[in-house]
Amino acid sequence: MGILASLIIGAIAGWLAGLIVRGAGFGLIGNIVVGIIGALVAGWLLPQLGIVLASGTLGSILDATVGAVVVLVVLSLIKRA
């Protein structure tokens, strides 16, 4: 059940990140995949930095969205180069 919840949270985060970072050009499915990757990145990076944004499901979505935005920005910079 945990993996399914992580995928759903990552998909929501990717969709939100796609709305936040306009012009990334990865489309809906690409942004969802980036959201899942961003959720993994944020799940590892934010605790390492000692950052806690919120708790519960809403906090997980917020963390994953931050991670997805970071991943989308990095990927868009690499795509342009």
PDB file of N, CA and C in Angstrom:
ATOM      1  N   MET A   1       0.817  -1.195   0.000  1.00  0.00           N
ATOM      2  CA  MET A   1       0.000   0.000   0.000  1.00  0.00           C
ATOM      3  C   MET A   1       0.859   1.255   0.000  1.00  0.00           C
ATOM      4  N   GLY A   2       2.033   1.203   0.610  1.00  0.00           N
ATOM      5  CA  GLY A   2       2.908   2.363   0.678  1.00  0.00           C
ATOM      6  C   GLY A   2       3.420   2.795  -0.685  1.00  0.00           C
ATOM      7  N   ILE A   3       3.701   1.826  -1.545  1.00  0.00           N
ATOM      8  CA  ILE A   3       4.205   2.156  -2.880  1.00  0.00           C
ATOM      9  C   ILE A   3       3.106   2.832  -3.699  1.00  0.00           C
ATOM     10  N   LEU A   4       1.891   2.326  -3.599  1.00  0.00           N
ATOM     11  CA  LEU A   4       0.779   2.934  -4.328  1.00  0.00           C
ATOM     12  C   LEU A   4       0.525   4.366  -3.862  1.00  0.00           C
ATOM     13  N   ALA A   5       0.582   4.574  -2.547  1.00  0.00           N
ATOM     14  CA  ALA A   5       0.391   5.929  -2.012  1.00  0.00           C
ATOM     15  C   ALA A   5       1.502   6.850  -2.485  1.00  0.00           C
ATOM     16  N   SER A   6       2.731   6.356  -2.533  1.00  0.00           N
ATOM     17  CA  SER A   6       3.859   7.169  -3.010  1.00  0.00           C
ATOM     18  C   SER A   6       3.685   7.551  -4.475  1.00  0.00           C
ATOM     19  N   LEU A   7       3.192   6.614  -5.273  1.00  0.00           N
ATOM     20  CA  LEU A   7       2.973   6.911  -6.687  1.00  0.00           C
ATOM     21  C   LEU A   7       1.870   7.953  -6.874  1.00  0.00           C
ATOM     22  N   ILE A   8       0.814   7.842  -6.088  1.00  0.00           N
ATOM     23  CA  ILE A   8      -0.283   8.808  -6.197  1.00  0.00           C
ATOM     24  C   ILE A   8       0.172  10.188  -5.740  1.00  0.00           C
ATOM     25  N   ILE A   9       0.898  10.234  -4.632  1.00  0.00           N
ATOM     26  CA  ILE A   9       1.417  11.520  -4.137  1.00  0.00           C
ATOM     27  C   ILE A   9       2.391  12.121  -5.141  1.00  0.00           C
ATOM     28  N   GLY A  10       3.254  11.292  -5.714  1.00  0.00           N
ATOM     29  CA  GLY A  10       4.187  11.777  -6.736  1.00  0.00           C
ATOM     30  C   GLY A  10       3.479  12.289  -7.967  1.00  0.00           C
ATOM     31  N   ALA A  11       2.399  11.615  -8.365  1.00  0.00           N
ATOM     32  CA  ALA A  11       1.638  12.061  -9.535  1.00  0.00           C
ATOM     33  C   ALA A  11       0.978  13.405  -9.274  1.00  0.00           C
ATOM     34  N   ILE A  12       0.403  13.575  -8.094  1.00  0.00           N
ATOM     35  CA  ILE A  12      -0.206  14.865  -7.737  1.00  0.00           C
ATOM     36  C   ILE A  12       0.856  15.950  -7.699  1.00  0.00           C
ATOM     37  N   ALA A  13       2.008  15.626  -7.102  1.00  0.00           N
ATOM     38  CA  ALA A  13       3.096  16.603  -7.010  1.00  0.00           C
ATOM     39  C   ALA A  13       3.617  16.983  -8.394  1.00  0.00           C
ATOM     40  N   GLY A  14       3.727  16.016  -9.285  1.00  0.00           N
ATOM     41  CA  GLY A  14       4.188  16.310 -10.647  1.00  0.00           C
ATOM     42  C   GLY A  14       3.222  17.210 -11.386  1.00  0.00           C
ATOM     43  N   TRP A  15       1.942  16.966 -11.201  1.00  0.00           N
ATOM     44  CA  TRP A  15       0.935  17.809 -11.829  1.00  0.00           C
ATOM     45  C   TRP A  15       1.020  19.233 -11.285  1.00  0.00           C
ATOM     46  N   LEU A  16       1.141  19.361  -9.963  1.00  0.00           N
ATOM     47  CA  LEU A  16       1.264  20.694  -9.354  1.00  0.00           C
ATOM     48  C   LEU A  16       2.548  21.385  -9.803  1.00  0.00           C
ATOM     49  N   ALA A  17       3.635  20.640  -9.865  1.00  0.00           N
ATOM     50  CA  ALA A  17       4.904  21.230 -10.297  1.00  0.00           C
ATOM     51  C   ALA A  17       4.819  21.700 -11.745  1.00  0.00           C
ATOM     52  N   GLY A  18       4.100  20.955 -12.572  1.00  0.00           N
ATOM     53  CA  GLY A  18       3.902  21.371 -13.962  1.00  0.00           C
ATOM     54  C   GLY A  18       3.131  22.672 -14.060  1.00  0.00           C
ATOM     55  N   LEU A  19       2.197  22.890 -13.129  1.00  0.00           N
ATOM     56  CA  LEU A  19       1.472  24.155 -13.093  1.00  0.00           C
ATOM     57  C   LEU A  19       2.350  25.298 -12.600  1.00  0.00           C
ATOM     58  N   ILE A  20       3.241  24.995 -11.667  1.00  0.00           N
ATOM     59  CA  ILE A  20       4.118  26.022 -11.087  1.00  0.00           C
ATOM     60  C   ILE A  20       5.214  26.409 -12.067  1.00  0.00           C
ATOM     61  N   VAL A  21       5.851  25.418 -12.671  1.00  0.00           N
ATOM     62  CA  VAL A  21       6.971  25.668 -13.585  1.00  0.00           C
ATOM     63  C   VAL A  21       6.431  25.613 -15.007  1.00  0.00           C
ATOM     64  N   ARG A  22       5.950  26.718 -15.469  1.00  0.00           N
ATOM     65  CA  ARG A  22       5.421  26.796 -16.829  1.00  0.00           C
ATOM     66  C   ARG A  22       6.565  26.757 -17.832  1.00  0.00           C
ATOM     67  N   GLY A  23       6.311  26.113 -18.967  1.00  0.00           N
ATOM     68  CA  GLY A  23       7.299  26.104 -20.032  1.00  0.00           C
ATOM     69  C   GLY A  23       8.340  25.021 -19.898  1.00  0.00           C
ATOM     70  N   ALA A  24       8.178  24.096 -18.962  1.00  0.00           N
ATOM     71  CA  ALA A  24       9.146  23.008 -18.841  1.00  0.00           C
ATOM     72  C   ALA A  24       9.036  22.073 -20.040  1.00  0.00           C
ATOM     73  N   GLY A  25       7.840  21.944 -20.614  1.00  0.00           N
ATOM     74  CA  GLY A  25       7.661  21.228 -21.865  1.00  0.00           C
ATOM     75  C   GLY A  25       7.721  19.722 -21.780  1.00  0.00           C
ATOM     76  N   PHE A  26       7.362  19.127 -20.655  1.00  0.00           N
ATOM     77  CA  PHE A  26       7.395  17.676 -20.541  1.00  0.00           C
ATOM     78  C   PHE A  26       6.004  17.053 -20.647  1.00  0.00           C
ATOM     79  N   GLY A  27       4.977  17.850 -20.706  1.00  0.00           N
ATOM     80  CA  GLY A  27       3.616  17.350 -20.823  1.00  0.00           C
ATOM     81  C   GLY A  27       3.112  16.765 -19.514  1.00  0.00           C
ATOM     82  N   LEU A  28       1.864  16.366 -19.516  1.00  0.00           N
ATOM     83  CA  LEU A  28       1.229  15.871 -18.295  1.00  0.00           C
ATOM     84  C   LEU A  28       1.900  14.597 -17.792  1.00  0.00           C
ATOM     85  N   ILE A  29       2.088  13.614 -18.657  1.00  0.00           N
ATOM     86  CA  ILE A  29       2.681  12.339 -18.243  1.00  0.00           C
ATOM     87  C   ILE A  29       4.131  12.543 -17.813  1.00  0.00           C
ATOM     88  N   GLY A  30       4.864  13.338 -18.558  1.00  0.00           N
ATOM     89  CA  GLY A  30       6.254  13.626 -18.189  1.00  0.00           C
ATOM     90  C   GLY A  30       6.358  14.322 -16.848  1.00  0.00           C
ATOM     91  N   ASN A  31       5.463  15.265 -16.601  1.00  0.00           N
ATOM     92  CA  ASN A  31       5.476  15.961 -15.319  1.00  0.00           C
ATOM     93  C   ASN A  31       5.098  15.027 -14.166  1.00  0.00           C
ATOM     94  N   ILE A  32       4.212  14.076 -14.407  1.00  0.00           N
ATOM     95  CA  ILE A  32       3.862  13.110 -13.372  1.00  0.00           C
ATOM     96  C   ILE A  32       5.063  12.224 -13.048  1.00  0.00           C
ATOM     97  N   VAL A  33       5.773  11.788 -14.075  1.00  0.00           N
ATOM     98  CA  VAL A  33       6.982  10.988 -13.843  1.00  0.00           C
ATOM     99  C   VAL A  33       8.015  11.809 -13.091  1.00  0.00           C
ATOM    100  N   VAL A  34       8.188  13.054 -13.486  1.00  0.00           N
ATOM    101  CA  VAL A  34       9.118  13.944 -12.783  1.00  0.00           C
ATOM    102  C   VAL A  34       8.654  14.154 -11.342  1.00  0.00           C
ATOM    103  N   GLY A  35       7.352  14.202 -11.124  1.00  0.00           N
ATOM    104  CA  GLY A  35       6.820  14.342  -9.771  1.00  0.00           C
ATOM    105  C   GLY A  35       7.168  13.153  -8.895  1.00  0.00           C
ATOM    106  N   ILE A  36       7.085  11.963  -9.464  1.00  0.00           N
ATOM    107  CA  ILE A  36       7.445  10.768  -8.716  1.00  0.00           C
ATOM    108  C   ILE A  36       8.928  10.781  -8.388  1.00  0.00           C
ATOM    109  N   ILE A  37       9.752  11.173  -9.350  1.00  0.00           N
ATOM    110  CA  ILE A  37      11.186  11.301  -9.095  1.00  0.00           C
ATOM    111  C   ILE A  37      11.452  12.399  -8.075  1.00  0.00           C
ATOM    112  N   GLY A  38      10.737  13.509  -8.204  1.00  0.00           N
ATOM    113  CA  GLY A  38      10.873  14.613  -7.249  1.00  0.00           C
ATOM    114  C   GLY A  38      10.473  14.218  -5.844  1.00  0.00           C
ATOM    115  N   ALA A  39       9.462  13.358  -5.736  1.00  0.00           N
ATOM    116  CA  ALA A  39       9.046  12.866  -4.422  1.00  0.00           C
ATOM    117  C   ALA A  39      10.154  12.047  -3.786  1.00  0.00           C
ATOM    118  N   LEU A  40      10.816  11.248  -4.588  1.00  0.00           N
ATOM    119  CA  LEU A  40      11.943  10.470  -4.070  1.00  0.00           C
ATOM    120  C   LEU A  40      13.097  11.371  -3.657  1.00  0.00           C
ATOM    121  N   VAL A  41      13.391  12.369  -4.494  1.00  0.00           N
ATOM    122  CA  VAL A  41      14.472  13.311  -4.184  1.00  0.00           C
ATOM    123  C   VAL A  41      14.146  14.092  -2.914  1.00  0.00           C
ATOM    124  N   ALA A  42      12.945  14.613  -2.811  1.00  0.00           N
ATOM    125  CA  ALA A  42      12.556  15.396  -1.632  1.00  0.00           C
ATOM    126  C   ALA A  42      12.493  14.528  -0.387  1.00  0.00           C
ATOM    127  N   GLY A  43      12.054  13.275  -0.553  1.00  0.00           N
ATOM    128  CA  GLY A  43      12.002  12.361   0.580  1.00  0.00           C
ATOM    129  C   GLY A  43      13.356  12.069   1.156  1.00  0.00           C
ATOM    130  N   TRP A  44      14.381  12.158   0.336  1.00  0.00           N
ATOM    131  CA  TRP A  44      15.739  11.951   0.827  1.00  0.00           C
ATOM    132  C   TRP A  44      16.398  13.264   1.234  1.00  0.00           C
ATOM    133  N   LEU A  45      16.254  14.303   0.410  1.00  0.00           N
ATOM    134  CA  LEU A  45      17.008  15.541   0.611  1.00  0.00           C
ATOM    135  C   LEU A  45      16.508  16.391   1.773  1.00  0.00           C
ATOM    136  N   LEU A  46      15.211  16.592   1.871  1.00  0.00           N
ATOM    137  CA  LEU A  46      14.682  17.481   2.908  1.00  0.00           C
ATOM    138  C   LEU A  46      15.009  17.000   4.327  1.00  0.00           C
ATOM    139  N   PRO A  47      14.875  15.713   4.651  1.00  0.00           N
ATOM    140  CA  PRO A  47      15.293  15.286   5.995  1.00  0.00           C
ATOM    141  C   PRO A  47      16.794  15.440   6.234  1.00  0.00           C
ATOM    142  N   GLN A  48      17.589  15.286   5.185  1.00  0.00           N
ATOM    143  CA  GLN A  48      19.033  15.470   5.314  1.00  0.00           C
ATOM    144  C   GLN A  48      19.374  16.908   5.684  1.00  0.00           C
ATOM    145  N   LEU A  49      18.576  17.838   5.179  1.00  0.00           N
ATOM    146  CA  LEU A  49      18.782  19.257   5.467  1.00  0.00           C
ATOM    147  C   LEU A  49      18.075  19.689   6.744  1.00  0.00           C
ATOM    148  N   GLY A  50      17.287  18.794   7.338  1.00  0.00           N
ATOM    149  CA  GLY A  50      16.567  19.115   8.560  1.00  0.00           C
ATOM    150  C   GLY A  50      15.338  19.976   8.322  1.00  0.00           C
ATOM    151  N   ILE A  51      14.789  19.929   7.121  1.00  0.00           N
ATOM    152  CA  ILE A  51      13.628  20.745   6.771  1.00  0.00           C
ATOM    153  C   ILE A  51      12.365  19.904   6.889  1.00  0.00           C
ATOM    154  N   VAL A  52      11.408  20.385   7.663  1.00  0.00           N
ATOM    155  CA  VAL A  52      10.111  19.738   7.793  1.00  0.00           C
ATOM    156  C   VAL A  52       9.063  20.783   7.435  1.00  0.00           C
ATOM    157  N   LEU A  53       8.388  20.590   6.305  1.00  0.00           N
ATOM    158  CA  LEU A  53       7.400  21.563   5.851  1.00  0.00           C
ATOM    159  C   LEU A  53       6.046  21.336   6.512  1.00  0.00           C
ATOM    160  N   ALA A  54       5.617  20.113   6.593  1.00  0.00           N
ATOM    161  CA  ALA A  54       4.333  19.770   7.214  1.00  0.00           C
ATOM    162  C   ALA A  54       4.325  18.267   7.454  1.00  0.00           C
ATOM    163  N   SER A  55       3.288  17.784   8.122  1.00  0.00           N
ATOM    164  CA  SER A  55       3.203  16.351   8.381  1.00  0.00           C
ATOM    165  C   SER A  55       1.950  15.781   7.730  1.00  0.00           C
ATOM    166  N   GLY A  56       1.878  14.489   7.656  1.00  0.00           N
ATOM    167  CA  GLY A  56       0.721  13.823   7.082  1.00  0.00           C
ATOM    168  C   GLY A  56       0.755  13.793   5.567  1.00  0.00           C
ATOM    169  N   THR A  57      -0.382  13.489   4.999  1.00  0.00           N
ATOM    170  CA  THR A  57      -0.486  13.374   3.548  1.00  0.00           C
ATOM    171  C   THR A  57      -0.273  14.713   2.863  1.00  0.00           C
ATOM    172  N   LEU A  58      -0.825  15.772   3.429  1.00  0.00           N
ATOM    173  CA  LEU A  58      -0.634  17.099   2.848  1.00  0.00           C
ATOM    174  C   LEU A  58       0.843  17.493   2.872  1.00  0.00           C
ATOM    175  N   GLY A  59       1.521  17.170   3.941  1.00  0.00           N
ATOM    176  CA  GLY A  59       2.953  17.446   4.030  1.00  0.00           C
ATOM    177  C   GLY A  59       3.745  16.649   3.012  1.00  0.00           C
ATOM    178  N   SER A  60       3.351  15.405   2.783  1.00  0.00           N
ATOM    179  CA  SER A  60       4.022  14.590   1.774  1.00  0.00           C
ATOM    180  C   SER A  60       3.834  15.169   0.385  1.00  0.00           C
ATOM    181  N   ILE A  61       2.625  15.643   0.101  1.00  0.00           N
ATOM    182  CA  ILE A  61       2.371  16.257  -1.202  1.00  0.00           C
ATOM    183  C   ILE A  61       3.181  17.536  -1.350  1.00  0.00           C
ATOM    184  N   LEU A  62       3.257  18.324  -0.294  1.00  0.00           N
ATOM    185  CA  LEU A  62       4.028  19.568  -0.331  1.00  0.00           C
ATOM    186  C   LEU A  62       5.511  19.279  -0.517  1.00  0.00           C
ATOM    187  N   ASP A  63       6.040  18.312   0.218  1.00  0.00           N
ATOM    188  CA  ASP A  63       7.446  17.927   0.067  1.00  0.00           C
ATOM    189  C   ASP A  63       7.731  17.444  -1.355  1.00  0.00           C
ATOM    190  N   ALA A  64       6.867  16.572  -1.852  1.00  0.00           N
ATOM    191  CA  ALA A  64       7.058  16.027  -3.192  1.00  0.00           C
ATOM    192  C   ALA A  64       6.943  17.109  -4.257  1.00  0.00           C
ATOM    193  N   THR A  65       6.064  18.083  -4.049  1.00  0.00           N
ATOM    194  CA  THR A  65       5.930  19.182  -5.005  1.00  0.00           C
ATOM    195  C   THR A  65       7.191  20.021  -5.046  1.00  0.00           C
ATOM    196  N   VAL A  66       7.761  20.299  -3.881  1.00  0.00           N
ATOM    197  CA  VAL A  66       9.024  21.047  -3.835  1.00  0.00           C
ATOM    198  C   VAL A  66      10.112  20.275  -4.576  1.00  0.00           C
ATOM    199  N   GLY A  67      10.204  18.978  -4.325  1.00  0.00           N
ATOM    200  CA  GLY A  67      11.194  18.156  -5.022  1.00  0.00           C
ATOM    201  C   GLY A  67      10.955  18.116  -6.516  1.00  0.00           C
ATOM    202  N   ALA A  68       9.693  18.016  -6.928  1.00  0.00           N
ATOM    203  CA  ALA A  68       9.376  17.977  -8.351  1.00  0.00           C
ATOM    204  C   ALA A  68       9.686  19.303  -9.038  1.00  0.00           C
ATOM    205  N   VAL A  69       9.430  20.406  -8.355  1.00  0.00           N
ATOM    206  CA  VAL A  69       9.768  21.717  -8.922  1.00  0.00           C
ATOM    207  C   VAL A  69      11.277  21.815  -9.126  1.00  0.00           C
ATOM    208  N   VAL A  70      12.039  21.370  -8.152  1.00  0.00           N
ATOM    209  CA  VAL A  70      13.505  21.401  -8.273  1.00  0.00           C
ATOM    210  C   VAL A  70      13.952  20.539  -9.455  1.00  0.00           C
ATOM    211  N   VAL A  71      13.399  19.332  -9.558  1.00  0.00           N
ATOM    212  CA  VAL A  71      13.772  18.440 -10.659  1.00  0.00           C
ATOM    213  C   VAL A  71      13.362  19.037 -12.002  1.00  0.00           C
ATOM    214  N   LEU A  72      12.167  19.624 -12.090  1.00  0.00           N
ATOM    215  CA  LEU A  72      11.721  20.239 -13.349  1.00  0.00           C
ATOM    216  C   LEU A  72      12.622  21.407 -13.752  1.00  0.00           C
ATOM    217  N   VAL A  73      13.008  22.222 -12.794  1.00  0.00           N
ATOM    218  CA  VAL A  73      13.885  23.354 -13.110  1.00  0.00           C
ATOM    219  C   VAL A  73      15.243  22.855 -13.605  1.00  0.00           C
ATOM    220  N   VAL A  74      15.795  21.874 -12.927  1.00  0.00           N
ATOM    221  CA  VAL A  74      17.092  21.324 -13.356  1.00  0.00           C
ATOM    222  C   VAL A  74      16.993  20.693 -14.739  1.00  0.00           C
ATOM    223  N   LEU A  75      15.936  19.916 -14.972  1.00  0.00           N
ATOM    224  CA  LEU A  75      15.766  19.293 -16.283  1.00  0.00           C
ATOM    225  C   LEU A  75      15.535  20.317 -17.392  1.00  0.00           C
ATOM    226  N   SER A  76      14.813  21.383 -17.093  1.00  0.00           N
ATOM    227  CA  SER A  76      14.600  22.400 -18.128  1.00  0.00           C
ATOM    228  C   SER A  76      15.888  23.146 -18.439  1.00  0.00           C
ATOM    229  N   LEU A  77      16.745  23.337 -17.424  1.00  0.00           N
ATOM    230  CA  LEU A  77      18.042  23.968 -17.669  1.00  0.00           C
ATOM    231  C   LEU A  77      18.938  23.060 -18.504  1.00  0.00           C
ATOM    232  N   ILE A  78      18.905  21.763 -18.229  1.00  0.00           N
ATOM    233  CA  ILE A  78      19.701  20.810 -19.015  1.00  0.00           C
ATOM    234  C   ILE A  78      19.163  20.718 -20.440  1.00  0.00           C
ATOM    235  N   LYS A  79      17.849  20.752 -20.581  1.00  0.00           N
ATOM    236  CA  LYS A  79      17.207  20.659 -21.906  1.00  0.00           C
ATOM    237  C   LYS A  79      17.590  21.845 -22.788  1.00  0.00           C
ATOM    238  N   ARG A  80      17.724  23.016 -22.182  1.00  0.00           N
ATOM    239  CA  ARG A  80      18.082  24.223 -22.947  1.00  0.00           C
ATOM    240  C   ARG A  80      19.538  24.250 -23.367  1.00  0.00           C
ATOM    241  N   ALA A  81      20.402  23.589 -22.614  1.00  0.00           N
ATOM    242  CA  ALA A  81      21.841  23.622 -22.904  1.00  0.00           C
ATOM    243  C   ALA A  81      22.215  22.719 -24.046  1.00  0.00           C
TER     244      ALA A  81
END
